[in-house]
Amino acid sequence: LLSGGLDSMVCAALARERGFEVLA
């Protein structure tokens, strides 16, 4: 879930760092 805020940005980057294909 990507709102555009800082928290969701960091959350998406952490998902990517964990090796996931990110579907935002």
PDB file of all heavy atoms in Angstrom:
ATOM      1  N   LEU A   1       0.859  -1.187   0.000  1.00  0.00           N
ATOM      2  CA  LEU A   1       0.000   0.000   0.000  1.00  0.00           C
ATOM      3  C   LEU A   1       0.892   1.232   0.000  1.00  0.00           C
ATOM      4  O   LEU A   1       1.677   1.453   0.922  1.00  0.00           O
ATOM      5  CB  LEU A   1      -0.932  -0.012   1.210  1.00  0.00           C
ATOM      6  CG  LEU A   1      -2.104  -0.993   1.081  1.00  0.00           C
ATOM      7  CD1 LEU A   1      -2.770  -1.234   2.430  1.00  0.00           C
ATOM      8  CD2 LEU A   1      -3.130  -0.467   0.071  1.00  0.00           C
ATOM      9  N   LEU A   2       0.779   2.022  -1.051  1.00  0.00           N
ATOM     10  CA  LEU A   2       1.655   3.170  -1.258  1.00  0.00           C
ATOM     11  C   LEU A   2       0.825   4.445  -1.321  1.00  0.00           C
ATOM     12  O   LEU A   2       0.209   4.745  -2.341  1.00  0.00           O
ATOM     13  CB  LEU A   2       2.457   2.989  -2.549  1.00  0.00           C
ATOM     14  CG  LEU A   2       3.478   4.066  -2.881  1.00  0.00           C
ATOM     15  CD1 LEU A   2       4.625   4.069  -1.876  1.00  0.00           C
ATOM     16  CD2 LEU A   2       4.006   3.882  -4.299  1.00  0.00           C
ATOM     17  N   SER A   3       0.812   5.189  -0.227  1.00  0.00           N
ATOM     18  CA  SER A   3       0.004   6.415  -0.180  1.00  0.00           C
ATOM     19  C   SER A   3       0.717   7.587  -0.834  1.00  0.00           C
ATOM     20  O   SER A   3       0.079   8.527  -1.310  1.00  0.00           O
ATOM     21  CB  SER A   3      -0.311   6.772   1.269  1.00  0.00           C
ATOM     22  OG  SER A   3       0.876   7.170   1.942  1.00  0.00           O
ATOM     23  N   GLY A   4       2.043   7.553  -0.811  1.00  0.00           N
ATOM     24  CA  GLY A   4       2.832   8.704  -1.251  1.00  0.00           C
ATOM     25  C   GLY A   4       3.538   9.374  -0.094  1.00  0.00           C
ATOM     26  O   GLY A   4       4.353  10.275  -0.292  1.00  0.00           O
ATOM     27  N   GLY A   5       3.226   8.951   1.134  1.00  0.00           N
ATOM     28  CA  GLY A   5       3.869   9.508   2.314  1.00  0.00           C
ATOM     29  C   GLY A   5       5.203   8.844   2.608  1.00  0.00           C
ATOM     30  O   GLY A   5       5.567   7.832   2.001  1.00  0.00           O
ATOM     31  N   LEU A   6       5.933   9.402   3.561  1.00  0.00           N
ATOM     32  CA  LEU A   6       7.246   8.882   3.921  1.00  0.00           C
ATOM     33  C   LEU A   6       7.159   7.444   4.425  1.00  0.00           C
ATOM     34  O   LEU A   6       7.973   6.594   4.050  1.00  0.00           O
ATOM     35  CB  LEU A   6       7.887   9.777   4.987  1.00  0.00           C
ATOM     36  CG  LEU A   6       9.249   9.334   5.506  1.00  0.00           C
ATOM     37  CD1 LEU A   6      10.303   9.420   4.406  1.00  0.00           C
ATOM     38  CD2 LEU A   6       9.663  10.183   6.716  1.00  0.00           C
ATOM     39  N   ASP A   7       6.180   7.159   5.280  1.00  0.00           N
ATOM     40  CA  ASP A   7       6.077   5.821   5.858  1.00  0.00           C
ATOM     41  C   ASP A   7       5.870   4.768   4.777  1.00  0.00           C
ATOM     42  O   ASP A   7       6.516   3.719   4.774  1.00  0.00           O
ATOM     43  CB  ASP A   7       4.931   5.761   6.866  1.00  0.00           C
ATOM     44  CG  ASP A   7       5.199   6.590   8.119  1.00  0.00           C
ATOM     45  OD1 ASP A   7       6.266   7.218   8.206  1.00  0.00           O
ATOM     46  OD2 ASP A   7       4.320   6.609   9.006  1.00  0.00           O
ATOM     47  N   SER A   8       4.962   5.026   3.858  1.00  0.00           N
ATOM     48  CA  SER A   8       4.688   4.029   2.813  1.00  0.00           C
ATOM     49  C   SER A   8       5.874   3.901   1.859  1.00  0.00           C
ATOM     50  O   SER A   8       6.129   2.822   1.319  1.00  0.00           O
ATOM     51  CB  SER A   8       3.408   4.386   2.045  1.00  0.00           C
ATOM     52  OG  SER A   8       3.578   5.521   1.230  1.00  0.00           O
ATOM     53  N   MET A   9       6.611   4.988   1.664  1.00  0.00           N
ATOM     54  CA  MET A   9       7.813   4.953   0.827  1.00  0.00           C
ATOM     55  C   MET A   9       8.857   4.019   1.439  1.00  0.00           C
ATOM     56  O   MET A   9       9.427   3.164   0.752  1.00  0.00           O
ATOM     57  CB  MET A   9       8.384   6.366   0.683  1.00  0.00           C
ATOM     58  CG  MET A   9       9.622   6.470  -0.172  1.00  0.00           C
ATOM     59  SD  MET A   9      10.351   8.128  -0.048  1.00  0.00           S
ATOM     60  CE  MET A   9      11.186   8.244  -1.618  1.00  0.00           C
ATOM     61  N   VAL A  10       9.115   4.195   2.737  1.00  0.00           N
ATOM     62  CA  VAL A  10      10.078   3.349   3.429  1.00  0.00           C
ATOM     63  C   VAL A  10       9.586   1.902   3.438  1.00  0.00           C
ATOM     64  O   VAL A  10      10.366   0.961   3.230  1.00  0.00           O
ATOM     65  CB  VAL A  10      10.320   3.862   4.865  1.00  0.00           C
ATOM     66  CG1 VAL A  10      11.154   2.868   5.671  1.00  0.00           C
ATOM     67  CG2 VAL A  10      11.011   5.227   4.824  1.00  0.00           C
ATOM     68  N   CYS A  11       8.306   1.699   3.646  1.00  0.00           N
ATOM     69  CA  CYS A  11       7.725   0.362   3.654  1.00  0.00           C
ATOM     70  C   CYS A  11       7.949  -0.340   2.318  1.00  0.00           C
ATOM     71  O   CYS A  11       8.347  -1.514   2.278  1.00  0.00           O
ATOM     72  CB  CYS A  11       6.234   0.466   3.972  1.00  0.00           C
ATOM     73  SG  CYS A  11       5.418  -1.118   4.258  1.00  0.00           S
ATOM     74  N   ALA A  12       7.713   0.360   1.222  1.00  0.00           N
ATOM     75  CA  ALA A  12       7.918  -0.214  -0.109  1.00  0.00           C
ATOM     76  C   ALA A  12       9.390  -0.562  -0.334  1.00  0.00           C
ATOM     77  O   ALA A  12       9.712  -1.612  -0.901  1.00  0.00           O
ATOM     78  CB  ALA A  12       7.431   0.758  -1.179  1.00  0.00           C
ATOM     79  N   ALA A  13      10.277   0.322   0.111  1.00  0.00           N
ATOM     80  CA  ALA A  13      11.708   0.073  -0.061  1.00  0.00           C
ATOM     81  C   ALA A  13      12.166  -1.121   0.767  1.00  0.00           C
ATOM     82  O   ALA A  13      13.035  -1.890   0.348  1.00  0.00           O
ATOM     83  CB  ALA A  13      12.499   1.312   0.315  1.00  0.00           C
ATOM     84  N   LEU A  14      11.576  -1.306   1.949  1.00  0.00           N
ATOM     85  CA  LEU A  14      11.914  -2.463   2.781  1.00  0.00           C
ATOM     86  C   LEU A  14      11.426  -3.761   2.131  1.00  0.00           C
ATOM     87  O   LEU A  14      12.105  -4.794   2.191  1.00  0.00           O
ATOM     88  CB  LEU A  14      11.320  -2.312   4.177  1.00  0.00           C
ATOM     89  CG  LEU A  14      11.999  -1.267   5.074  1.00  0.00           C
ATOM     90  CD1 LEU A  14      11.194  -1.056   6.353  1.00  0.00           C
ATOM     91  CD2 LEU A  14      13.430  -1.672   5.407  1.00  0.00           C
ATOM     92  N   ALA A  15      10.257  -3.710   1.494  1.00  0.00           N
ATOM     93  CA  ALA A  15       9.765  -4.889   0.773  1.00  0.00           C
ATOM     94  C   ALA A  15      10.722  -5.237  -0.364  1.00  0.00           C
ATOM     95  O   ALA A  15      11.047  -6.420  -0.575  1.00  0.00           O
ATOM     96  CB  ALA A  15       8.360  -4.630   0.243  1.00  0.00           C
ATOM     97  N   ARG A  16      11.168  -4.225  -1.072  1.00  0.00           N
ATOM     98  CA  ARG A  16      12.132  -4.463  -2.152  1.00  0.00           C
ATOM     99  C   ARG A  16      13.443  -5.019  -1.606  1.00  0.00           C
ATOM    100  O   ARG A  16      14.013  -5.961  -2.163  1.00  0.00           O
ATOM    101  CB  ARG A  16      12.392  -3.163  -2.914  1.00  0.00           C
ATOM    102  CG  ARG A  16      13.376  -3.304  -4.075  1.00  0.00           C
ATOM    103  CD  ARG A  16      13.623  -1.985  -4.759  1.00  0.00           C
ATOM    104  NE  ARG A  16      14.265  -1.026  -3.861  1.00  0.00           N
ATOM    105  CZ  ARG A  16      14.613   0.209  -4.231  1.00  0.00           C
ATOM    106  NH1 ARG A  16      14.329   0.633  -5.453  1.00  0.00           N
ATOM    107  NH2 ARG A  16      15.196   1.024  -3.372  1.00  0.00           N
ATOM    108  N   GLU A  17      13.904  -4.458  -0.479  1.00  0.00           N
ATOM    109  CA  GLU A  17      15.152  -4.916   0.130  1.00  0.00           C
ATOM    110  C   GLU A  17      15.052  -6.381   0.548  1.00  0.00           C
ATOM    111  O   GLU A  17      16.051  -7.117   0.515  1.00  0.00           O
ATOM    112  CB  GLU A  17      15.487  -4.043   1.337  1.00  0.00           C
ATOM    113  CG  GLU A  17      16.830  -4.375   1.984  1.00  0.00           C
ATOM    114  CD  GLU A  17      17.144  -3.474   3.163  1.00  0.00           C
ATOM    115  OE1 GLU A  17      16.331  -3.421   4.116  1.00  0.00           O
ATOM    116  OE2 GLU A  17      18.196  -2.826   3.149  1.00  0.00           O
ATOM    117  N   ARG A  18      13.858  -6.816   0.949  1.00  0.00           N
ATOM    118  CA  ARG A  18      13.656  -8.208   1.351  1.00  0.00           C
ATOM    119  C   ARG A  18      13.533  -9.151   0.165  1.00  0.00           C
ATOM    120  O   ARG A  18      13.357 -10.358   0.329  1.00  0.00           O
ATOM    121  CB  ARG A  18      12.415  -8.318   2.239  1.00  0.00           C
ATOM    122  CG  ARG A  18      12.560  -7.618   3.579  1.00  0.00           C
ATOM    123  CD  ARG A  18      11.309  -7.782   4.428  1.00  0.00           C
ATOM    124  NE  ARG A  18      11.370  -6.986   5.646  1.00  0.00           N
ATOM    125  CZ  ARG A  18      10.417  -6.955   6.573  1.00  0.00           C
ATOM    126  NH1 ARG A  18       9.328  -7.691   6.424  1.00  0.00           N
ATOM    127  NH2 ARG A  18      10.547  -6.191   7.647  1.00  0.00           N
ATOM    128  N   GLY A  19      13.622  -8.607  -1.035  1.00  0.00           N
ATOM    129  CA  GLY A  19      13.643  -9.442  -2.229  1.00  0.00           C
ATOM    130  C   GLY A  19      12.320  -9.627  -2.929  1.00  0.00           C
ATOM    131  O   GLY A  19      12.214 -10.410  -3.878  1.00  0.00           O
ATOM    132  N   PHE A  20      11.291  -8.907  -2.503  1.00  0.00           N
ATOM    133  CA  PHE A  20       9.978  -9.049  -3.126  1.00  0.00           C
ATOM    134  C   PHE A  20       9.885  -8.265  -4.434  1.00  0.00           C
ATOM    135  O   PHE A  20      10.527  -7.229  -4.604  1.00  0.00           O
ATOM    136  CB  PHE A  20       8.883  -8.543  -2.191  1.00  0.00           C
ATOM    137  CG  PHE A  20       8.580  -9.454  -1.037  1.00  0.00           C
ATOM    138  CD1 PHE A  20       9.135  -9.226   0.218  1.00  0.00           C
ATOM    139  CD2 PHE A  20       7.738 -10.549  -1.199  1.00  0.00           C
ATOM    140  CE1 PHE A  20       8.852 -10.061   1.287  1.00  0.00           C
ATOM    141  CE2 PHE A  20       7.442 -11.390  -0.133  1.00  0.00           C
ATOM    142  CZ  PHE A  20       8.004 -11.151   1.115  1.00  0.00           C
ATOM    143  N   GLU A  21       9.062  -8.773  -5.328  1.00  0.00           N
ATOM    144  CA  GLU A  21       8.603  -7.997  -6.473  1.00  0.00           C
ATOM    145  C   GLU A  21       7.504  -7.081  -5.944  1.00  0.00           C
ATOM    146  O   GLU A  21       6.491  -7.554  -5.418  1.00  0.00           O
ATOM    147  CB  GLU A  21       8.053  -8.917  -7.555  1.00  0.00           C
ATOM    148  CG  GLU A  21       7.564  -8.201  -8.799  1.00  0.00           C
ATOM    149  CD  GLU A  21       7.043  -9.168  -9.843  1.00  0.00           C
ATOM    150  OE1 GLU A  21       7.437 -10.357  -9.825  1.00  0.00           O
ATOM    151  OE2 GLU A  21       6.229  -8.727 -10.681  1.00  0.00           O
ATOM    152  N   VAL A  22       7.696  -5.781  -6.049  1.00  0.00           N
ATOM    153  CA  VAL A  22       6.809  -4.815  -5.410  1.00  0.00           C
ATOM    154  C   VAL A  22       5.668  -4.420  -6.351  1.00  0.00           C
ATOM    155  O   VAL A  22       5.894  -3.809  -7.399  1.00  0.00           O
ATOM    156  CB  VAL A  22       7.595  -3.561  -4.964  1.00  0.00           C
ATOM    157  CG1 VAL A  22       6.632  -2.494  -4.421  1.00  0.00           C
ATOM    158  CG2 VAL A  22       8.628  -3.928  -3.908  1.00  0.00           C
ATOM    159  N   LEU A  23       4.461  -4.790  -5.943  1.00  0.00           N
ATOM    160  CA  LEU A  23       3.249  -4.385  -6.648  1.00  0.00           C
ATOM    161  C   LEU A  23       2.592  -3.304  -5.796  1.00  0.00           C
ATOM    162  O   LEU A  23       1.991  -3.595  -4.766  1.00  0.00           O
ATOM    163  CB  LEU A  23       2.308  -5.571  -6.844  1.00  0.00           C
ATOM    164  CG  LEU A  23       2.919  -6.831  -7.483  1.00  0.00           C
ATOM    165  CD1 LEU A  23       1.842  -7.897  -7.682  1.00  0.00           C
ATOM    166  CD2 LEU A  23       3.606  -6.507  -8.794  1.00  0.00           C
ATOM    167  N   ALA A  24       2.753  -2.072  -6.201  1.00  0.00           N
ATOM    168  CA  ALA A  24       2.313  -0.930  -5.397  1.00  0.00           C
ATOM    169  C   ALA A  24       0.857  -0.586  -5.700  1.00  0.00           C
ATOM    170  O   ALA A  24       0.449  -0.519  -6.863  1.00  0.00           O
ATOM    171  CB  ALA A  24       3.199   0.274  -5.659  1.00  0.00           C
TER     172      ALA A  24
END
